[in-house]
Amino acid sequence: MNPIDDLPDDNVALYYRVKADQSFLECAWELFHLVRDAQERFPNRRRYLHLDIDGHRNEEGGYDFDMLELQSKFLTEFLMSYLAEARGPLAVLKNPRPQDNAIPEALTIFDQPPEKGNPRSRN
């Protein structure tokens, strides 16, 4: 049984499945709008996200750079502020603070400059 099924009625369960052909930017944008839409439809209810990822594996069997960044940076450093909990392939994250319900109107993502060791680097 999925623990998210046991949520009290006053909470919101969100589910997102990353398809093998989706990019980081597409997933980040869709996740952001999923959380934003939940706030609009169910104002101030605690939000619980379940994230699944199809494919996106590297040669060693781990997640590719995009999905590692989606889980380790975008989810943990940005989106978690607007959730009570998130369950994904790498971890179960619980927000230690009350979730923020003042979700921004828009999402802006800045690409980091290329650097040595960065798989996206052109150096």
PDB file of N, CA and C in Angstrom:
ATOM      1  N   MET A   1       0.844  -1.180   0.000  1.00  0.00           N
ATOM      2  CA  MET A   1       0.000   0.000   0.000  1.00  0.00           C
ATOM      3  C   MET A   1       0.888   1.241   0.000  1.00  0.00           C
ATOM      4  N   ASN A   2       0.490   2.221  -0.746  1.00  0.00           N
ATOM      5  CA  ASN A   2       1.227   3.481  -0.836  1.00  0.00           C
ATOM      6  C   ASN A   2       0.866   4.364   0.358  1.00  0.00           C
ATOM      7  N   PRO A   3       1.851   4.825   1.155  1.00  0.00           N
ATOM      8  CA  PRO A   3       1.547   5.657   2.323  1.00  0.00           C
ATOM      9  C   PRO A   3       0.782   6.932   1.974  1.00  0.00           C
ATOM     10  N   ILE A   4       0.902   7.387   0.749  1.00  0.00           N
ATOM     11  CA  ILE A   4       0.200   8.606   0.363  1.00  0.00           C
ATOM     12  C   ILE A   4      -1.311   8.375   0.295  1.00  0.00           C
ATOM     13  N   ASP A   5      -1.722   7.101   0.154  1.00  0.00           N
ATOM     14  CA  ASP A   5      -3.145   6.768   0.133  1.00  0.00           C
ATOM     15  C   ASP A   5      -3.799   6.981   1.492  1.00  0.00           C
ATOM     16  N   ASP A   6      -2.995   6.993   2.547  1.00  0.00           N
ATOM     17  CA  ASP A   6      -3.523   7.112   3.904  1.00  0.00           C
ATOM     18  C   ASP A   6      -3.610   8.551   4.405  1.00  0.00           C
ATOM     19  N   LEU A   7      -3.495   9.521   3.523  1.00  0.00           N
ATOM     20  CA  LEU A   7      -3.543  10.918   3.951  1.00  0.00           C
ATOM     21  C   LEU A   7      -4.934  11.289   4.439  1.00  0.00           C
ATOM     22  N   PRO A   8      -5.004  12.104   5.466  1.00  0.00           N
ATOM     23  CA  PRO A   8      -6.311  12.622   5.881  1.00  0.00           C
ATOM     24  C   PRO A   8      -6.958  13.428   4.748  1.00  0.00           C
ATOM     25  N   ASP A   9      -8.263  13.535   4.796  1.00  0.00           N
ATOM     26  CA  ASP A   9      -9.016  14.212   3.732  1.00  0.00           C
ATOM     27  C   ASP A   9      -8.631  15.669   3.524  1.00  0.00           C
ATOM     28  N   ASP A  10      -8.076  16.310   4.527  1.00  0.00           N
ATOM     29  CA  ASP A  10      -7.755  17.730   4.387  1.00  0.00           C
ATOM     30  C   ASP A  10      -6.361  17.959   3.796  1.00  0.00           C
ATOM     31  N   ASN A  11      -5.722  16.904   3.277  1.00  0.00           N
ATOM     32  CA  ASN A  11      -4.425  17.012   2.617  1.00  0.00           C
ATOM     33  C   ASN A  11      -4.594  16.742   1.130  1.00  0.00           C
ATOM     34  N   VAL A  12      -3.581  17.097   0.354  1.00  0.00           N
ATOM     35  CA  VAL A  12      -3.636  16.909  -1.093  1.00  0.00           C
ATOM     36  C   VAL A  12      -2.482  16.003  -1.524  1.00  0.00           C
ATOM     37  N   ALA A  13      -2.831  14.910  -2.207  1.00  0.00           N
ATOM     38  CA  ALA A  13      -1.824  14.008  -2.754  1.00  0.00           C
ATOM     39  C   ALA A  13      -1.564  14.399  -4.202  1.00  0.00           C
ATOM     40  N   LEU A  14      -0.290  14.622  -4.534  1.00  0.00           N
ATOM     41  CA  LEU A  14       0.125  14.970  -5.896  1.00  0.00           C
ATOM     42  C   LEU A  14       1.003  13.854  -6.430  1.00  0.00           C
ATOM     43  N   TYR A  15       0.817  13.525  -7.694  1.00  0.00           N
ATOM     44  CA  TYR A  15       1.621  12.478  -8.310  1.00  0.00           C
ATOM     45  C   TYR A  15       2.176  12.994  -9.626  1.00  0.00           C
ATOM     46  N   TYR A  16       3.479  12.724  -9.846  1.00  0.00           N
ATOM     47  CA  TYR A  16       4.102  13.110 -11.109  1.00  0.00           C
ATOM     48  C   TYR A  16       5.041  11.996 -11.555  1.00  0.00           C
ATOM     49  N   ARG A  17       4.891  11.577 -12.811  1.00  0.00           N
ATOM     50  CA  ARG A  17       5.760  10.561 -13.399  1.00  0.00           C
ATOM     51  C   ARG A  17       6.564  11.208 -14.512  1.00  0.00           C
ATOM     52  N   VAL A  18       7.884  11.154 -14.403  1.00  0.00           N
ATOM     53  CA  VAL A  18       8.788  11.653 -15.430  1.00  0.00           C
ATOM     54  C   VAL A  18       8.902  10.578 -16.500  1.00  0.00           C
ATOM     55  N   LYS A  19       8.633  10.955 -17.728  1.00  0.00           N
ATOM     56  CA  LYS A  19       8.777  10.019 -18.848  1.00  0.00           C
ATOM     57  C   LYS A  19      10.225  10.031 -19.326  1.00  0.00           C
ATOM     58  N   ALA A  20      10.622   8.952 -19.961  1.00  0.00           N
ATOM     59  CA  ALA A  20      12.014   8.782 -20.383  1.00  0.00           C
ATOM     60  C   ALA A  20      12.490   9.872 -21.341  1.00  0.00           C
ATOM     61  N   ASP A  21      11.581  10.483 -22.087  1.00  0.00           N
ATOM     62  CA  ASP A  21      11.983  11.486 -23.079  1.00  0.00           C
ATOM     63  C   ASP A  21      11.840  12.926 -22.594  1.00  0.00           C
ATOM     64  N   GLN A  22      11.504  13.131 -21.336  1.00  0.00           N
ATOM     65  CA  GLN A  22      11.328  14.487 -20.819  1.00  0.00           C
ATOM     66  C   GLN A  22      12.647  15.070 -20.330  1.00  0.00           C
ATOM     67  N   SER A  23      12.782  16.380 -20.508  1.00  0.00           N
ATOM     68  CA  SER A  23      13.982  17.086 -20.051  1.00  0.00           C
ATOM     69  C   SER A  23      13.785  17.632 -18.633  1.00  0.00           C
ATOM     70  N   PHE A  24      14.898  18.049 -18.036  1.00  0.00           N
ATOM     71  CA  PHE A  24      14.840  18.691 -16.722  1.00  0.00           C
ATOM     72  C   PHE A  24      13.892  19.893 -16.750  1.00  0.00           C
ATOM     73  N   LEU A  25      14.051  20.769 -17.747  1.00  0.00           N
ATOM     74  CA  LEU A  25      13.234  21.987 -17.795  1.00  0.00           C
ATOM     75  C   LEU A  25      11.750  21.675 -17.903  1.00  0.00           C
ATOM     76  N   GLU A  26      11.395  20.716 -18.730  1.00  0.00           N
ATOM     77  CA  GLU A  26       9.990  20.341 -18.873  1.00  0.00           C
ATOM     78  C   GLU A  26       9.431  19.809 -17.557  1.00  0.00           C
ATOM     79  N   CYS A  27      10.175  18.946 -16.896  1.00  0.00           N
ATOM     80  CA  CYS A  27       9.725  18.374 -15.626  1.00  0.00           C
ATOM     81  C   CYS A  27       9.622  19.435 -14.533  1.00  0.00           C
ATOM     82  N   ALA A  28      10.609  20.305 -14.445  1.00  0.00           N
ATOM     83  CA  ALA A  28      10.590  21.353 -13.431  1.00  0.00           C
ATOM     84  C   ALA A  28       9.377  22.256 -13.628  1.00  0.00           C
ATOM     85  N   TRP A  29       9.121  22.637 -14.871  1.00  0.00           N
ATOM     86  CA  TRP A  29       7.983  23.501 -15.171  1.00  0.00           C
ATOM     87  C   TRP A  29       6.676  22.809 -14.804  1.00  0.00           C
ATOM     88  N   GLU A  30       6.530  21.540 -15.167  1.00  0.00           N
ATOM     89  CA  GLU A  30       5.292  20.815 -14.876  1.00  0.00           C
ATOM     90  C   GLU A  30       5.106  20.574 -13.379  1.00  0.00           C
ATOM     91  N   LEU A  31       6.182  20.256 -12.667  1.00  0.00           N
ATOM     92  CA  LEU A  31       6.083  20.082 -11.215  1.00  0.00           C
ATOM     93  C   LEU A  31       5.677  21.382 -10.531  1.00  0.00           C
ATOM     94  N   PHE A  32       6.297  22.471 -10.949  1.00  0.00           N
ATOM     95  CA  PHE A  32       5.952  23.772 -10.387  1.00  0.00           C
ATOM     96  C   PHE A  32       4.464  24.072 -10.578  1.00  0.00           C
ATOM     97  N   HIS A  33       3.967  23.849 -11.787  1.00  0.00           N
ATOM     98  CA  HIS A  33       2.558  24.141 -12.064  1.00  0.00           C
ATOM     99  C   HIS A  33       1.616  23.153 -11.377  1.00  0.00           C
ATOM    100  N   LEU A  34       2.052  21.932 -11.158  1.00  0.00           N
ATOM    101  CA  LEU A  34       1.251  20.976 -10.407  1.00  0.00           C
ATOM    102  C   LEU A  34       1.032  21.471  -8.981  1.00  0.00           C
ATOM    103  N   VAL A  35       2.102  21.931  -8.346  1.00  0.00           N
ATOM    104  CA  VAL A  35       2.014  22.443  -6.976  1.00  0.00           C
ATOM    105  C   VAL A  35       1.210  23.749  -6.939  1.00  0.00           C
ATOM    106  N   ARG A  36       1.452  24.609  -7.900  1.00  0.00           N
ATOM    107  CA  ARG A  36       0.719  25.882  -7.969  1.00  0.00           C
ATOM    108  C   ARG A  36      -0.779  25.656  -8.174  1.00  0.00           C
ATOM    109  N   ASP A  37      -1.130  24.743  -9.071  1.00  0.00           N
ATOM    110  CA  ASP A  37      -2.540  24.424  -9.309  1.00  0.00           C
ATOM    111  C   ASP A  37      -3.197  23.824  -8.070  1.00  0.00           C
ATOM    112  N   ALA A  38      -2.459  22.997  -7.347  1.00  0.00           N
ATOM    113  CA  ALA A  38      -3.005  22.416  -6.113  1.00  0.00           C
ATOM    114  C   ALA A  38      -3.319  23.505  -5.092  1.00  0.00           C
ATOM    115  N   GLN A  39      -2.450  24.513  -4.993  1.00  0.00           N
ATOM    116  CA  GLN A  39      -2.713  25.623  -4.073  1.00  0.00           C
ATOM    117  C   GLN A  39      -3.957  26.402  -4.499  1.00  0.00           C
ATOM    118  N   GLU A  40      -4.132  26.599  -5.797  1.00  0.00           N
ATOM    119  CA  GLU A  40      -5.309  27.328  -6.286  1.00  0.00           C
ATOM    120  C   GLU A  40      -6.596  26.537  -6.067  1.00  0.00           C
ATOM    121  N   ARG A  41      -6.555  25.239  -6.291  1.00  0.00           N
ATOM    122  CA  ARG A  41      -7.758  24.404  -6.165  1.00  0.00           C
ATOM    123  C   ARG A  41      -8.073  24.033  -4.727  1.00  0.00           C
ATOM    124  N   PHE A  42      -7.029  23.842  -3.922  1.00  0.00           N
ATOM    125  CA  PHE A  42      -7.192  23.419  -2.526  1.00  0.00           C
ATOM    126  C   PHE A  42      -6.337  24.322  -1.639  1.00  0.00           C
ATOM    127  N   PRO A  43      -6.749  25.565  -1.456  1.00  0.00           N
ATOM    128  CA  PRO A  43      -5.916  26.554  -0.772  1.00  0.00           C
ATOM    129  C   PRO A  43      -5.436  26.097   0.612  1.00  0.00           C
ATOM    130  N   ASN A  44      -4.127  26.225   0.796  1.00  0.00           N
ATOM    131  CA  ASN A  44      -3.454  26.049   2.084  1.00  0.00           C
ATOM    132  C   ASN A  44      -3.515  24.646   2.667  1.00  0.00           C
ATOM    133  N   ARG A  45      -3.965  23.665   1.894  1.00  0.00           N
ATOM    134  CA  ARG A  45      -3.932  22.286   2.378  1.00  0.00           C
ATOM    135  C   ARG A  45      -2.511  21.748   2.247  1.00  0.00           C
ATOM    136  N   ARG A  46      -2.154  20.878   3.159  1.00  0.00           N
ATOM    137  CA  ARG A  46      -0.814  20.279   3.123  1.00  0.00           C
ATOM    138  C   ARG A  46      -0.692  19.426   1.868  1.00  0.00           C
ATOM    139  N   ARG A  47       0.423  19.611   1.152  1.00  0.00           N
ATOM    140  CA  ARG A  47       0.649  18.926  -0.115  1.00  0.00           C
ATOM    141  C   ARG A  47       1.733  17.850   0.031  1.00  0.00           C
ATOM    142  N   TYR A  48       1.418  16.672  -0.499  1.00  0.00           N
ATOM    143  CA  TYR A  48       2.323  15.525  -0.470  1.00  0.00           C
ATOM    144  C   TYR A  48       2.554  15.076  -1.909  1.00  0.00           C
ATOM    145  N   LEU A  49       3.810  15.088  -2.339  1.00  0.00           N
ATOM    146  CA  LEU A  49       4.169  14.732  -3.713  1.00  0.00           C
ATOM    147  C   LEU A  49       4.788  13.348  -3.758  1.00  0.00           C
ATOM    148  N   HIS A  50       4.352  12.562  -4.737  1.00  0.00           N
ATOM    149  CA  HIS A  50       5.004  11.283  -5.043  1.00  0.00           C
ATOM    150  C   HIS A  50       5.563  11.411  -6.446  1.00  0.00           C
ATOM    151  N   LEU A  51       6.871  11.189  -6.595  1.00  0.00           N
ATOM    152  CA  LEU A  51       7.578  11.354  -7.865  1.00  0.00           C
ATOM    153  C   LEU A  51       8.136  10.010  -8.327  1.00  0.00           C
ATOM    154  N   ASP A  52       7.798   9.625  -9.554  1.00  0.00           N
ATOM    155  CA  ASP A  52       8.381   8.444 -10.195  1.00  0.00           C
ATOM    156  C   ASP A  52       9.160   8.899 -11.419  1.00  0.00           C
ATOM    157  N   ILE A  53      10.200   8.147 -11.767  1.00  0.00           N
ATOM    158  CA  ILE A  53      11.030   8.499 -12.922  1.00  0.00           C
ATOM    159  C   ILE A  53      11.243   7.257 -13.775  1.00  0.00           C
ATOM    160  N   ASP A  54      10.852   7.357 -15.040  1.00  0.00           N
ATOM    161  CA  ASP A  54      11.094   6.277 -16.011  1.00  0.00           C
ATOM    162  C   ASP A  54      12.389   6.577 -16.757  1.00  0.00           C
ATOM    163  N   GLY A  55      13.237   5.570 -16.881  1.00  0.00           N
ATOM    164  CA  GLY A  55      14.472   5.754 -17.644  1.00  0.00           C
ATOM    165  C   GLY A  55      15.416   6.732 -16.980  1.00  0.00           C
ATOM    166  N   HIS A  56      16.064   7.549 -17.793  1.00  0.00           N
ATOM    167  CA  HIS A  56      17.001   8.584 -17.325  1.00  0.00           C
ATOM    168  C   HIS A  56      18.161   7.998 -16.533  1.00  0.00           C
ATOM    169  N   ARG A  57      18.669   6.856 -16.980  1.00  0.00           N
ATOM    170  CA  ARG A  57      19.806   6.211 -16.305  1.00  0.00           C
ATOM    171  C   ARG A  57      21.094   6.453 -17.064  1.00  0.00           C
ATOM    172  N   ASN A  58      22.178   6.556 -16.323  1.00  0.00           N
ATOM    173  CA  ASN A  58      23.500   6.700 -16.948  1.00  0.00           C
ATOM    174  C   ASN A  58      24.135   5.314 -17.104  1.00  0.00           C
ATOM    175  N   GLU A  59      25.358   5.292 -17.613  1.00  0.00           N
ATOM    176  CA  GLU A  59      26.044   4.026 -17.877  1.00  0.00           C
ATOM    177  C   GLU A  59      26.299   3.205 -16.607  1.00  0.00           C
ATOM    178  N   GLU A  60      26.423   3.886 -15.471  1.00  0.00           N
ATOM    179  CA  GLU A  60      26.676   3.195 -14.202  1.00  0.00           C
ATOM    180  C   GLU A  60      25.387   2.710 -13.543  1.00  0.00           C
ATOM    181  N   GLY A  61      24.225   3.050 -14.117  1.00  0.00           N
ATOM    182  CA  GLY A  61      22.951   2.621 -13.547  1.00  0.00           C
ATOM    183  C   GLY A  61      22.301   3.651 -12.644  1.00  0.00           C
ATOM    184  N   GLY A  62      23.006   4.757 -12.371  1.00  0.00           N
ATOM    185  CA  GLY A  62      22.412   5.833 -11.578  1.00  0.00           C
ATOM    186  C   GLY A  62      21.579   6.740 -12.462  1.00  0.00           C
ATOM    187  N   TYR A  63      21.030   7.768 -11.880  1.00  0.00           N
ATOM    188  CA  TYR A  63      20.235   8.722 -12.659  1.00  0.00           C
ATOM    189  C   TYR A  63      21.132   9.630 -13.480  1.00  0.00           C
ATOM    190  N   ASP A  64      20.643  10.015 -14.665  1.00  0.00           N
ATOM    191  CA  ASP A  64      21.398  10.945 -15.496  1.00  0.00           C
ATOM    192  C   ASP A  64      21.443  12.314 -14.823  1.00  0.00           C
ATOM    193  N   PHE A  65      22.243  13.204 -15.380  1.00  0.00           N
ATOM    194  CA  PHE A  65      22.459  14.512 -14.758  1.00  0.00           C
ATOM    195  C   PHE A  65      21.156  15.274 -14.540  1.00  0.00           C
ATOM    196  N   ASP A  66      20.267  15.280 -15.544  1.00  0.00           N
ATOM    197  CA  ASP A  66      19.005  16.023 -15.428  1.00  0.00           C
ATOM    198  C   ASP A  66      18.155  15.535 -14.258  1.00  0.00           C
ATOM    199  N   MET A  67      18.000  14.231 -14.130  1.00  0.00           N
ATOM    200  CA  MET A  67      17.127  13.707 -13.065  1.00  0.00           C
ATOM    201  C   MET A  67      17.788  13.765 -11.695  1.00  0.00           C
ATOM    202  N   LEU A  68      19.096  13.686 -11.666  1.00  0.00           N
ATOM    203  CA  LEU A  68      19.797  13.885 -10.404  1.00  0.00           C
ATOM    204  C   LEU A  68      19.613  15.327  -9.949  1.00  0.00           C
ATOM    205  N   GLU A  69      19.726  16.269 -10.881  1.00  0.00           N
ATOM    206  CA  GLU A  69      19.541  17.677 -10.545  1.00  0.00           C
ATOM    207  C   GLU A  69      18.081  17.981 -10.173  1.00  0.00           C
ATOM    208  N   LEU A  70      17.148  17.345 -10.853  1.00  0.00           N
ATOM    209  CA  LEU A  70      15.735  17.554 -10.530  1.00  0.00           C
ATOM    210  C   LEU A  70      15.452  17.140  -9.089  1.00  0.00           C
ATOM    211  N   GLN A  71      16.019  16.008  -8.680  1.00  0.00           N
ATOM    212  CA  GLN A  71      15.760  15.505  -7.332  1.00  0.00           C
ATOM    213  C   GLN A  71      16.609  16.191  -6.269  1.00  0.00           C
ATOM    214  N   SER A  72      17.893  16.399  -6.572  1.00  0.00           N
ATOM    215  CA  SER A  72      18.796  16.895  -5.534  1.00  0.00           C
ATOM    216  C   SER A  72      18.843  18.409  -5.427  1.00  0.00           C
ATOM    217  N   LYS A  73      18.482  19.115  -6.473  1.00  0.00           N
ATOM    218  CA  LYS A  73      18.521  20.583  -6.428  1.00  0.00           C
ATOM    219  C   LYS A  73      17.121  21.181  -6.486  1.00  0.00           C
ATOM    220  N   PHE A  74      16.422  20.936  -7.594  1.00  0.00           N
ATOM    221  CA  PHE A  74      15.118  21.578  -7.789  1.00  0.00           C
ATOM    222  C   PHE A  74      14.128  21.177  -6.692  1.00  0.00           C
ATOM    223  N   LEU A  75      14.012  19.891  -6.435  1.00  0.00           N
ATOM    224  CA  LEU A  75      13.051  19.436  -5.435  1.00  0.00           C
ATOM    225  C   LEU A  75      13.465  19.844  -4.025  1.00  0.00           C
ATOM    226  N   THR A  76      14.711  19.539  -3.654  1.00  0.00           N
ATOM    227  CA  THR A  76      15.123  19.800  -2.271  1.00  0.00           C
ATOM    228  C   THR A  76      15.354  21.271  -1.963  1.00  0.00           C
ATOM    229  N   GLU A  77      15.908  22.022  -2.917  1.00  0.00           N
ATOM    230  CA  GLU A  77      16.280  23.406  -2.626  1.00  0.00           C
ATOM    231  C   GLU A  77      15.212  24.429  -3.009  1.00  0.00           C
ATOM    232  N   PHE A  78      14.230  24.033  -3.797  1.00  0.00           N
ATOM    233  CA  PHE A  78      13.193  24.986  -4.193  1.00  0.00           C
ATOM    234  C   PHE A  78      11.785  24.480  -3.891  1.00  0.00           C
ATOM    235  N   LEU A  79      11.386  23.409  -4.518  1.00  0.00           N
ATOM    236  CA  LEU A  79       9.989  22.986  -4.453  1.00  0.00           C
ATOM    237  C   LEU A  79       9.558  22.533  -3.058  1.00  0.00           C
ATOM    238  N   MET A  80      10.468  21.979  -2.263  1.00  0.00           N
ATOM    239  CA  MET A  80      10.109  21.496  -0.923  1.00  0.00           C
ATOM    240  C   MET A  80       9.521  22.584  -0.038  1.00  0.00           C
ATOM    241  N   SER A  81       9.851  23.831  -0.295  1.00  0.00           N
ATOM    242  CA  SER A  81       9.276  24.920   0.506  1.00  0.00           C
ATOM    243  C   SER A  81       7.762  24.944   0.413  1.00  0.00           C
ATOM    244  N   TYR A  82       7.231  24.446  -0.706  1.00  0.00           N
ATOM    245  CA  TYR A  82       5.796  24.520  -0.990  1.00  0.00           C
ATOM    246  C   TYR A  82       5.096  23.178  -0.793  1.00  0.00           C
ATOM    247  N   LEU A  83       5.798  22.222  -0.161  1.00  0.00           N
ATOM    248  CA  LEU A  83       5.249  20.892   0.099  1.00  0.00           C
ATOM    249  C   LEU A  83       5.425  20.542   1.568  1.00  0.00           C
ATOM    250  N   ALA A  84       4.583  19.629   2.033  1.00  0.00           N
ATOM    251  CA  ALA A  84       4.768  19.073   3.375  1.00  0.00           C
ATOM    252  C   ALA A  84       5.727  17.890   3.325  1.00  0.00           C
ATOM    253  N   GLU A  85       5.630  17.119   2.210  1.00  0.00           N
ATOM    254  CA  GLU A  85       6.475  15.936   2.060  1.00  0.00           C
ATOM    255  C   GLU A  85       6.591  15.593   0.583  1.00  0.00           C
ATOM    256  N   ALA A  86       7.722  14.985   0.221  1.00  0.00           N
ATOM    257  CA  ALA A  86       7.929  14.488  -1.139  1.00  0.00           C
ATOM    258  C   ALA A  86       8.572  13.116  -1.058  1.00  0.00           C
ATOM    259  N   ARG A  87       8.061  12.198  -1.867  1.00  0.00           N
ATOM    260  CA  ARG A  87       8.614  10.846  -1.960  1.00  0.00           C
ATOM    261  C   ARG A  87       9.094  10.647  -3.385  1.00  0.00           C
ATOM    262  N   GLY A  88      10.358  10.314  -3.522  1.00  0.00           N
ATOM    263  CA  GLY A  88      10.926  10.088  -4.844  1.00  0.00           C
ATOM    264  C   GLY A  88      11.829   8.881  -4.823  1.00  0.00           C
ATOM    265  N   PRO A  89      12.434   8.568  -5.968  1.00  0.00           N
ATOM    266  CA  PRO A  89      13.314   7.402  -6.038  1.00  0.00           C
ATOM    267  C   PRO A  89      14.527   7.486  -5.110  1.00  0.00           C
ATOM    268  N   LEU A  90      15.032   8.691  -4.858  1.00  0.00           N
ATOM    269  CA  LEU A  90      16.246   8.812  -4.052  1.00  0.00           C
ATOM    270  C   LEU A  90      15.990   9.001  -2.562  1.00  0.00           C
ATOM    271  N   ALA A  91      14.834   9.552  -2.197  1.00  0.00           N
ATOM    272  CA  ALA A  91      14.621   9.868  -0.787  1.00  0.00           C
ATOM    273  C   ALA A  91      13.174  10.214  -0.492  1.00  0.00           C
ATOM    274  N   VAL A  92      12.851  10.159   0.792  1.00  0.00           N
ATOM    275  CA  VAL A  92      11.606  10.711   1.299  1.00  0.00           C
ATOM    276  C   VAL A  92      12.000  11.982   2.051  1.00  0.00           C
ATOM    277  N   LEU A  93      11.442  13.101   1.620  1.00  0.00           N
ATOM    278  CA  LEU A  93      11.784  14.392   2.208  1.00  0.00           C
ATOM    279  C   LEU A  93      10.592  14.946   2.970  1.00  0.00           C
ATOM    280  N   LYS A  94      10.828  15.387   4.189  1.00  0.00           N
ATOM    281  CA  LYS A  94       9.777  16.019   4.990  1.00  0.00           C
ATOM    282  C   LYS A  94      10.200  17.451   5.264  1.00  0.00           C
ATOM    283  N   ASN A  95       9.302  18.361   5.004  1.00  0.00           N
ATOM    284  CA  ASN A  95       9.582  19.768   5.235  1.00  0.00           C
ATOM    285  C   ASN A  95       9.563  20.021   6.745  1.00  0.00           C
ATOM    286  N   PRO A  96      10.673  20.461   7.341  1.00  0.00           N
ATOM    287  CA  PRO A  96      10.708  20.689   8.790  1.00  0.00           C
ATOM    288  C   PRO A  96       9.940  21.945   9.221  1.00  0.00           C
ATOM    289  N   ARG A  97       9.601  22.776   8.256  1.00  0.00           N
ATOM    290  CA  ARG A  97       8.853  24.010   8.543  1.00  0.00           C
ATOM    291  C   ARG A  97       7.455  23.896   7.931  1.00  0.00           C
ATOM    292  N   PRO A  98       6.551  24.740   8.339  1.00  0.00           N
ATOM    293  CA  PRO A  98       5.244  24.739   7.663  1.00  0.00           C
ATOM    294  C   PRO A  98       5.434  25.065   6.185  1.00  0.00           C
ATOM    295  N   GLN A  99       4.685  24.386   5.319  1.00  0.00           N
ATOM    296  CA  GLN A  99       4.825  24.652   3.887  1.00  0.00           C
ATOM    297  C   GLN A  99       4.425  26.086   3.585  1.00  0.00           C
ATOM    298  N   ASP A 100       5.095  26.668   2.627  1.00  0.00           N
ATOM    299  CA  ASP A 100       4.819  28.033   2.191  1.00  0.00           C
ATOM    300  C   ASP A 100       3.704  27.967   1.149  1.00  0.00           C
ATOM    301  N   ASN A 101       2.640  28.695   1.378  1.00  0.00           N
ATOM    302  CA  ASN A 101       1.514  28.706   0.445  1.00  0.00           C
ATOM    303  C   ASN A 101       1.544  29.901  -0.497  1.00  0.00           C
ATOM    304  N   ALA A 102       2.546  30.741  -0.364  1.00  0.00           N
ATOM    305  CA  ALA A 102       2.707  31.902  -1.263  1.00  0.00           C
ATOM    306  C   ALA A 102       3.604  31.482  -2.424  1.00  0.00           C
ATOM    307  N   ILE A 103       3.061  30.681  -3.302  1.00  0.00           N
ATOM    308  CA  ILE A 103       3.821  30.148  -4.428  1.00  0.00           C
ATOM    309  C   ILE A 103       3.959  31.244  -5.483  1.00  0.00           C
ATOM    310  N   PRO A 104       5.159  31.453  -6.001  1.00  0.00           N
ATOM    311  CA  PRO A 104       5.360  32.524  -6.992  1.00  0.00           C
ATOM    312  C   PRO A 104       4.465  32.333  -8.219  1.00  0.00           C
ATOM    313  N   GLU A 105       4.215  33.429  -8.893  1.00  0.00           N
ATOM    314  CA  GLU A 105       3.398  33.400 -10.112  1.00  0.00           C
ATOM    315  C   GLU A 105       4.105  32.686 -11.253  1.00  0.00           C
ATOM    316  N   ALA A 106       5.417  32.801 -11.307  1.00  0.00           N
ATOM    317  CA  ALA A 106       6.171  32.252 -12.429  1.00  0.00           C
ATOM    318  C   ALA A 106       7.421  31.550 -11.916  1.00  0.00           C
ATOM    319  N   LEU A 107       7.944  30.670 -12.765  1.00  0.00           N
ATOM    320  CA  LEU A 107       9.163  29.943 -12.467  1.00  0.00           C
ATOM    321  C   LEU A 107      10.264  30.445 -13.388  1.00  0.00           C
ATOM    322  N   THR A 108      11.395  30.810 -12.800  1.00  0.00           N
ATOM    323  CA  THR A 108      12.547  31.234 -13.585  1.00  0.00           C
ATOM    324  C   THR A 108      13.718  30.342 -13.206  1.00  0.00           C
ATOM    325  N   ILE A 109      14.306  29.716 -14.212  1.00  0.00           N
ATOM    326  CA  ILE A 109      15.450  28.836 -13.979  1.00  0.00           C
ATOM    327  C   ILE A 109      16.640  29.405 -14.722  1.00  0.00           C
ATOM    328  N   PHE A 110      17.718  29.599 -13.991  1.00  0.00           N
ATOM    329  CA  PHE A 110      18.945  30.114 -14.578  1.00  0.00           C
ATOM    330  C   PHE A 110      19.918  28.963 -14.746  1.00  0.00           C
ATOM    331  N   ASP A 111      20.460  28.809 -15.944  1.00  0.00           N
ATOM    332  CA  ASP A 111      21.448  27.783 -16.200  1.00  0.00           C
ATOM    333  C   ASP A 111      22.777  28.235 -15.607  1.00  0.00           C
ATOM    334  N   GLN A 112      23.465  27.324 -14.948  1.00  0.00           N
ATOM    335  CA  GLN A 112      24.752  27.665 -14.361  1.00  0.00           C
ATOM    336  C   GLN A 112      25.813  27.698 -15.447  1.00  0.00           C
ATOM    337  N   PRO A 113      26.805  28.572 -15.295  1.00  0.00           N
ATOM    338  CA  PRO A 113      27.870  28.633 -16.299  1.00  0.00           C
ATOM    339  C   PRO A 113      28.645  27.322 -16.342  1.00  0.00           C
ATOM    340  N   PRO A 114      29.140  26.946 -17.509  1.00  0.00           N
ATOM    341  CA  PRO A 114      29.917  25.709 -17.615  1.00  0.00           C
ATOM    342  C   PRO A 114      31.135  25.743 -16.695  1.00  0.00           C
ATOM    343  N   GLU A 115      31.457  24.602 -16.129  1.00  0.00           N
ATOM    344  CA  GLU A 115      32.633  24.488 -15.274  1.00  0.00           C
ATOM    345  C   GLU A 115      33.199  23.086 -15.433  1.00  0.00           C
ATOM    346  N   LYS A 116      34.430  22.915 -15.052  1.00  0.00           N
ATOM    347  CA  LYS A 116      35.060  21.598 -15.143  1.00  0.00           C
ATOM    348  C   LYS A 116      34.303  20.612 -14.261  1.00  0.00           C
ATOM    349  N   GLY A 117      34.098  19.419 -14.796  1.00  0.00           N
ATOM    350  CA  GLY A 117      33.414  18.397 -14.029  1.00  0.00           C
ATOM    351  C   GLY A 117      31.908  18.418 -14.169  1.00  0.00           C
ATOM    352  N   ASN A 118      31.352  19.491 -14.728  1.00  0.00           N
ATOM    353  CA  ASN A 118      29.911  19.581 -14.932  1.00  0.00           C
ATOM    354  C   ASN A 118      29.585  18.872 -16.241  1.00  0.00           C
ATOM    355  N   PRO A 119      28.697  17.852 -16.224  1.00  0.00           N
ATOM    356  CA  PRO A 119      28.378  17.122 -17.450  1.00  0.00           C
ATOM    357  C   PRO A 119      27.809  18.007 -18.549  1.00  0.00           C
ATOM    358  N   ARG A 120      27.298  19.164 -18.213  1.00  0.00           N
ATOM    359  CA  ARG A 120      26.763  20.073 -19.216  1.00  0.00           C
ATOM    360  C   ARG A 120      27.825  21.041 -19.732  1.00  0.00           C
ATOM    361  N   SER A 121      29.023  20.934 -19.186  1.00  0.00           N
ATOM    362  CA  SER A 121      30.086  21.864 -19.549  1.00  0.00           C
ATOM    363  C   SER A 121      30.531  21.669 -20.987  1.00  0.00           C
ATOM    364  N   ARG A 122      30.867  22.749 -21.609  1.00  0.00           N
ATOM    365  CA  ARG A 122      31.391  22.703 -22.966  1.00  0.00           C
ATOM    366  C   ARG A 122      32.919  22.778 -22.978  1.00  0.00           C
ATOM    367  N   ASN A 123      33.535  22.845 -21.794  1.00  0.00           N
ATOM    368  CA  ASN A 123      35.000  22.941 -21.702  1.00  0.00           C
ATOM    369  C   ASN A 123      35.648  21.597 -21.922  1.00  0.00           C
TER     370      ASN A 123
END
